Amino acid sequence: MQRALIWAAVVTSTLGGPALAASYRAADGTANFTHTVRFIPVRGSIAGVTASVELDPANLAATTGSVTVPVVNLKTGIGLRDTHAKGAEALNTAKFPNATFRLEKLTGGKLVEGQTLSTTATGTLTVKGTAKSISVPVKATLQGGKVNVSTQFKFNPFDFDVRYPGSSDSVTVDVAFVLNAG
């Protein structure tokens, strides 16, 4: 009898039967950005992006979670510029070491092994203590039990009181991480 129940569970999950939401975590993701300061494009990176997500690959609309970007890890290749970007006028990383995105809605659909799904994530982006609702495009690929996630979006840093002298009103951000079950 126990074998029959196990076999039924395997067949149900293999044939696309109801799947259950599971906890997924990401560590060591990256964020890259481009921002113009005094007419010069500045490129940089932020290591250590993490995510915590409750995800059902068969029902993305039920997904909840958050992504944390440790802006305190910002690097542009020039130490003095990094110090200014982390300063009180700009990101104020001494008081606000992280930017966060709290997922409130993910466009429906389902993840299929080996296929990339384009969807839209809507939620609250918090930078320097200021929270704003945004929607961003997301690409997700289910591969061997892991979910590769990436996004690219723009936002106005002035909306979050980030005021680096001579900076433009647009930052392009690319974020990528791999979600692992468990």
C-alpha atoms as a PDB file:
ATOM      1  CA  MET A   1       0.000   0.000   0.000  1.00  0.00           C
ATOM      2  CA  GLN A   2       2.803   2.436   0.893  1.00  0.00           C
ATOM      3  CA  ARG A   3       4.508   1.760  -2.469  1.00  0.00           C
ATOM      4  CA  ALA A   4       1.256   2.558  -4.275  1.00  0.00           C
ATOM      5  CA  LEU A   5       0.971   5.916  -2.489  1.00  0.00           C
ATOM      6  CA  ILE A   6       4.575   6.823  -3.280  1.00  0.00           C
ATOM      7  CA  TRP A   7       4.119   5.782  -6.914  1.00  0.00           C
ATOM      8  CA  ALA A   8       0.924   7.867  -7.169  1.00  0.00           C
ATOM      9  CA  ALA A   9       2.746  10.896  -5.767  1.00  0.00           C
ATOM     10  CA  VAL A  10       5.603  10.471  -8.266  1.00  0.00           C
ATOM     11  CA  VAL A  11       3.237  10.070 -11.224  1.00  0.00           C
ATOM     12  CA  THR A  12       1.125  13.052 -10.162  1.00  0.00           C
ATOM     13  CA  SER A  13       4.128  15.372  -9.844  1.00  0.00           C
ATOM     14  CA  THR A  14       5.750  14.062 -13.044  1.00  0.00           C
ATOM     15  CA  LEU A  15       2.628  14.502 -15.146  1.00  0.00           C
ATOM     16  CA  GLY A  16       2.088  18.079 -14.063  1.00  0.00           C
ATOM     17  CA  GLY A  17      -0.284  17.435 -11.221  1.00  0.00           C
ATOM     18  CA  PRO A  18      -0.600  19.914  -8.411  1.00  0.00           C
ATOM     19  CA  ALA A  19       2.753  21.070  -7.113  1.00  0.00           C
ATOM     20  CA  LEU A  20       3.274  22.673  -3.770  1.00  0.00           C
ATOM     21  CA  ALA A  21       4.981  25.956  -3.119  1.00  0.00           C
ATOM     22  CA  ALA A  22       8.474  25.557  -1.767  1.00  0.00           C
ATOM     23  CA  SER A  23      11.008  27.853  -0.191  1.00  0.00           C
ATOM     24  CA  TYR A  24      13.799  28.954  -2.505  1.00  0.00           C
ATOM     25  CA  ARG A  25      16.865  30.939  -1.514  1.00  0.00           C
ATOM     26  CA  ALA A  26      19.573  32.739  -3.445  1.00  0.00           C
ATOM     27  CA  ALA A  27      22.957  33.895  -2.250  1.00  0.00           C
ATOM     28  CA  ASP A  28      25.835  35.508  -4.111  1.00  0.00           C
ATOM     29  CA  GLY A  29      23.713  37.111  -6.819  1.00  0.00           C
ATOM     30  CA  THR A  30      24.890  40.265  -8.580  1.00  0.00           C
ATOM     31  CA  ALA A  31      23.555  43.680  -9.436  1.00  0.00           C
ATOM     32  CA  ASN A  32      25.187  45.798 -12.119  1.00  0.00           C
ATOM     33  CA  PHE A  33      24.277  49.384 -12.805  1.00  0.00           C
ATOM     34  CA  THR A  34      24.900  52.243 -15.203  1.00  0.00           C
ATOM     35  CA  HIS A  35      24.408  55.825 -14.085  1.00  0.00           C
ATOM     36  CA  THR A  36      25.526  59.059 -15.721  1.00  0.00           C
ATOM     37  CA  VAL A  37      27.423  61.537 -13.549  1.00  0.00           C
ATOM     38  CA  ARG A  38      28.527  64.812 -15.103  1.00  0.00           C
ATOM     39  CA  PHE A  39      27.910  63.407 -18.589  1.00  0.00           C
ATOM     40  CA  ILE A  40      30.138  60.393 -17.922  1.00  0.00           C
ATOM     41  CA  PRO A  41      28.552  56.928 -17.835  1.00  0.00           C
ATOM     42  CA  VAL A  42      29.527  55.210 -14.584  1.00  0.00           C
ATOM     43  CA  ARG A  43      29.297  51.437 -14.465  1.00  0.00           C
ATOM     44  CA  GLY A  44      29.440  49.477 -11.267  1.00  0.00           C
ATOM     45  CA  SER A  45      28.548  46.274  -9.537  1.00  0.00           C
ATOM     46  CA  ILE A  46      27.189  45.069  -6.227  1.00  0.00           C
ATOM     47  CA  ALA A  47      28.017  41.570  -4.994  1.00  0.00           C
ATOM     48  CA  GLY A  48      26.096  39.539  -2.425  1.00  0.00           C
ATOM     49  CA  VAL A  49      22.524  39.906  -3.712  1.00  0.00           C
ATOM     50  CA  THR A  50      20.210  37.538  -1.813  1.00  0.00           C
ATOM     51  CA  ALA A  51      16.614  36.412  -2.282  1.00  0.00           C
ATOM     52  CA  SER A  52      14.040  34.487  -0.303  1.00  0.00           C
ATOM     53  CA  VAL A  53      11.009  33.264  -2.248  1.00  0.00           C
ATOM     54  CA  GLU A  54       7.998  30.995  -1.761  1.00  0.00           C
ATOM     55  CA  LEU A  55       7.522  29.620  -5.253  1.00  0.00           C
ATOM     56  CA  ASP A  56       5.225  27.112  -6.931  1.00  0.00           C
ATOM     57  CA  PRO A  57       6.629  26.541 -10.461  1.00  0.00           C
ATOM     58  CA  ALA A  58       3.149  25.509 -11.658  1.00  0.00           C
ATOM     59  CA  ASN A  59       1.471  28.687 -10.319  1.00  0.00           C
ATOM     60  CA  LEU A  60       3.695  31.770 -10.431  1.00  0.00           C
ATOM     61  CA  ALA A  61       0.825  34.066  -9.422  1.00  0.00           C
ATOM     62  CA  ALA A  62       1.099  32.598  -5.898  1.00  0.00           C
ATOM     63  CA  THR A  63       4.775  33.584  -5.560  1.00  0.00           C
ATOM     64  CA  THR A  64       5.875  35.830  -2.692  1.00  0.00           C
ATOM     65  CA  GLY A  65       9.297  36.917  -1.550  1.00  0.00           C
ATOM     66  CA  SER A  66      11.983  39.549  -1.409  1.00  0.00           C
ATOM     67  CA  VAL A  67      15.346  40.443  -2.912  1.00  0.00           C
ATOM     68  CA  THR A  68      18.057  42.267  -0.969  1.00  0.00           C
ATOM     69  CA  VAL A  69      20.818  44.236  -2.692  1.00  0.00           C
ATOM     70  CA  PRO A  70      23.621  45.224  -0.297  1.00  0.00           C
ATOM     71  CA  VAL A  71      24.391  48.695  -1.711  1.00  0.00           C
ATOM     72  CA  VAL A  72      27.121  48.911   0.924  1.00  0.00           C
ATOM     73  CA  ASN A  73      29.054  46.537  -1.433  1.00  0.00           C
ATOM     74  CA  LEU A  74      28.898  49.013  -4.352  1.00  0.00           C
ATOM     75  CA  LYS A  75      32.046  49.113  -6.504  1.00  0.00           C
ATOM     76  CA  THR A  76      32.719  51.329  -9.527  1.00  0.00           C
ATOM     77  CA  GLY A  77      36.443  50.771  -9.911  1.00  0.00           C
ATOM     78  CA  ILE A  78      37.349  54.105  -8.296  1.00  0.00           C
ATOM     79  CA  GLY A  79      37.533  54.051  -4.499  1.00  0.00           C
ATOM     80  CA  LEU A  80      36.887  57.771  -3.957  1.00  0.00           C
ATOM     81  CA  ARG A  81      33.812  57.666  -6.203  1.00  0.00           C
ATOM     82  CA  ASP A  82      32.559  54.608  -4.257  1.00  0.00           C
ATOM     83  CA  THR A  83      32.993  56.518  -0.992  1.00  0.00           C
ATOM     84  CA  HIS A  84      31.007  59.474  -2.367  1.00  0.00           C
ATOM     85  CA  ALA A  85      28.246  57.178  -3.717  1.00  0.00           C
ATOM     86  CA  LYS A  86      27.934  55.533  -0.287  1.00  0.00           C
ATOM     87  CA  GLY A  87      27.905  58.922   1.493  1.00  0.00           C
ATOM     88  CA  ALA A  88      24.997  60.633   3.245  1.00  0.00           C
ATOM     89  CA  GLU A  89      23.845  62.701   0.217  1.00  0.00           C
ATOM     90  CA  ALA A  90      23.788  59.733  -2.102  1.00  0.00           C
ATOM     91  CA  LEU A  91      22.998  56.220  -0.795  1.00  0.00           C
ATOM     92  CA  ASN A  92      23.857  56.798   2.893  1.00  0.00           C
ATOM     93  CA  THR A  93      24.963  53.181   3.304  1.00  0.00           C
ATOM     94  CA  ALA A  94      25.969  53.798   6.934  1.00  0.00           C
ATOM     95  CA  LYS A  95      22.260  54.125   7.755  1.00  0.00           C
ATOM     96  CA  PHE A  96      20.744  52.166   4.821  1.00  0.00           C
ATOM     97  CA  PRO A  97      23.148  49.350   3.858  1.00  0.00           C
ATOM     98  CA  ASN A  98      20.577  47.522   1.686  1.00  0.00           C
ATOM     99  CA  ALA A  99      18.072  48.202  -1.049  1.00  0.00           C
ATOM    100  CA  THR A 100      15.153  45.762  -1.064  1.00  0.00           C
ATOM    101  CA  PHE A 101      12.409  44.648  -3.395  1.00  0.00           C
ATOM    102  CA  ARG A 102       9.342  43.067  -1.771  1.00  0.00           C
ATOM    103  CA  LEU A 103       7.406  41.042  -4.350  1.00  0.00           C
ATOM    104  CA  GLU A 104       3.664  41.700  -4.183  1.00  0.00           C
ATOM    105  CA  LYS A 105       2.502  40.274  -7.514  1.00  0.00           C
ATOM    106  CA  LEU A 106       4.030  38.106 -10.217  1.00  0.00           C
ATOM    107  CA  THR A 107       2.270  37.676 -13.535  1.00  0.00           C
ATOM    108  CA  GLY A 108       0.843  34.182 -13.758  1.00  0.00           C
ATOM    109  CA  GLY A 109       2.113  31.296 -15.785  1.00  0.00           C
ATOM    110  CA  LYS A 110       4.283  28.341 -14.949  1.00  0.00           C
ATOM    111  CA  LEU A 111       7.910  27.384 -15.135  1.00  0.00           C
ATOM    112  CA  VAL A 112       8.705  24.490 -17.441  1.00  0.00           C
ATOM    113  CA  GLU A 113      12.053  22.688 -17.207  1.00  0.00           C
ATOM    114  CA  GLY A 114      14.561  24.178 -19.657  1.00  0.00           C
ATOM    115  CA  GLN A 115      12.336  27.003 -20.920  1.00  0.00           C
ATOM    116  CA  THR A 116      12.723  30.701 -20.164  1.00  0.00           C
ATOM    117  CA  LEU A 117       9.573  32.493 -19.071  1.00  0.00           C
ATOM    118  CA  SER A 118       9.187  36.265 -19.342  1.00  0.00           C
ATOM    119  CA  THR A 119       6.929  37.716 -16.654  1.00  0.00           C
ATOM    120  CA  THR A 120       6.389  40.934 -14.703  1.00  0.00           C
ATOM    121  CA  ALA A 121       7.099  41.406 -11.006  1.00  0.00           C
ATOM    122  CA  THR A 122       5.256  44.170  -9.157  1.00  0.00           C
ATOM    123  CA  GLY A 123       6.248  45.190  -5.681  1.00  0.00           C
ATOM    124  CA  THR A 124       7.862  47.749  -3.442  1.00  0.00           C
ATOM    125  CA  LEU A 125      11.408  48.947  -4.043  1.00  0.00           C
ATOM    126  CA  THR A 126      13.029  50.518  -0.985  1.00  0.00           C
ATOM    127  CA  VAL A 127      16.208  52.549  -1.437  1.00  0.00           C
ATOM    128  CA  LYS A 128      17.669  54.817   1.247  1.00  0.00           C
ATOM    129  CA  GLY A 129      14.584  54.271   3.419  1.00  0.00           C
ATOM    130  CA  THR A 130      12.130  55.436   0.738  1.00  0.00           C
ATOM    131  CA  ALA A 131       9.651  52.897  -0.632  1.00  0.00           C
ATOM    132  CA  LYS A 132       7.989  53.133  -4.059  1.00  0.00           C
ATOM    133  CA  SER A 133       5.816  50.717  -6.018  1.00  0.00           C
ATOM    134  CA  ILE A 134       7.405  49.500  -9.270  1.00  0.00           C
ATOM    135  CA  SER A 135       6.883  46.823 -11.919  1.00  0.00           C
ATOM    136  CA  VAL A 136       9.886  45.176 -13.542  1.00  0.00           C
ATOM    137  CA  PRO A 137      10.312  42.600 -16.303  1.00  0.00           C
ATOM    138  CA  VAL A 138      11.691  39.262 -15.104  1.00  0.00           C
ATOM    139  CA  LYS A 139      13.106  36.279 -16.957  1.00  0.00           C
ATOM    140  CA  ALA A 140      13.102  32.950 -15.133  1.00  0.00           C
ATOM    141  CA  THR A 141      14.425  29.569 -16.244  1.00  0.00           C
ATOM    142  CA  LEU A 142      13.836  26.331 -14.332  1.00  0.00           C
ATOM    143  CA  GLN A 143      16.913  24.136 -14.772  1.00  0.00           C
ATOM    144  CA  GLY A 144      17.603  21.027 -12.730  1.00  0.00           C
ATOM    145  CA  GLY A 145      15.551  22.153  -9.737  1.00  0.00           C
ATOM    146  CA  LYS A 146      17.139  25.627  -9.711  1.00  0.00           C
ATOM    147  CA  VAL A 147      15.579  28.821 -11.022  1.00  0.00           C
ATOM    148  CA  ASN A 148      17.799  31.323 -12.838  1.00  0.00           C
ATOM    149  CA  VAL A 149      16.293  34.795 -12.424  1.00  0.00           C
ATOM    150  CA  SER A 150      17.285  38.040 -14.140  1.00  0.00           C
ATOM    151  CA  THR A 151      15.851  41.510 -14.636  1.00  0.00           C
ATOM    152  CA  GLN A 152      16.833  44.840 -16.123  1.00  0.00           C
ATOM    153  CA  PHE A 153      14.993  48.032 -15.232  1.00  0.00           C
ATOM    154  CA  LYS A 154      15.433  51.788 -14.810  1.00  0.00           C
ATOM    155  CA  PHE A 155      14.452  54.065 -11.970  1.00  0.00           C
ATOM    156  CA  ASN A 156      14.892  57.698 -10.978  1.00  0.00           C
ATOM    157  CA  PRO A 157      17.283  57.939  -7.985  1.00  0.00           C
ATOM    158  CA  PHE A 158      15.841  61.361  -7.059  1.00  0.00           C
ATOM    159  CA  ASP A 159      12.533  59.592  -6.250  1.00  0.00           C
ATOM    160  CA  PHE A 160      14.463  57.844  -3.448  1.00  0.00           C
ATOM    161  CA  ASP A 161      16.332  60.959  -2.273  1.00  0.00           C
ATOM    162  CA  VAL A 162      19.611  59.701  -3.769  1.00  0.00           C
ATOM    163  CA  ARG A 163      21.336  62.932  -4.790  1.00  0.00           C
ATOM    164  CA  TYR A 164      24.896  62.389  -5.948  1.00  0.00           C
ATOM    165  CA  PRO A 165      26.256  65.762  -7.202  1.00  0.00           C
ATOM    166  CA  GLY A 166      26.001  65.998 -10.994  1.00  0.00           C
ATOM    167  CA  SER A 167      24.073  62.762 -11.393  1.00  0.00           C
ATOM    168  CA  SER A 168      21.313  62.104 -13.905  1.00  0.00           C
ATOM    169  CA  ASP A 169      17.716  61.179 -13.151  1.00  0.00           C
ATOM    170  CA  SER A 170      18.030  57.610 -14.430  1.00  0.00           C
ATOM    171  CA  VAL A 171      19.822  54.479 -13.237  1.00  0.00           C
ATOM    172  CA  THR A 172      19.759  51.235 -15.222  1.00  0.00           C
ATOM    173  CA  VAL A 173      20.024  48.157 -13.023  1.00  0.00           C
ATOM    174  CA  ASP A 174      20.614  44.519 -13.988  1.00  0.00           C
ATOM    175  CA  VAL A 175      20.065  41.939 -11.244  1.00  0.00           C
ATOM    176  CA  ALA A 176      20.722  38.194 -11.543  1.00  0.00           C
ATOM    177  CA  PHE A 177      20.625  35.323  -9.065  1.00  0.00           C
ATOM    178  CA  VAL A 178      19.973  31.583  -8.866  1.00  0.00           C
ATOM    179  CA  LEU A 179      17.218  30.296  -6.580  1.00  0.00           C
ATOM    180  CA  ASN A 180      17.875  26.941  -4.909  1.00  0.00           C
ATOM    181  CA  ALA A 181      15.160  24.917  -3.181  1.00  0.00           C
ATOM    182  CA  GLY A 182      15.474  24.576   0.563  1.00  0.00           C
END
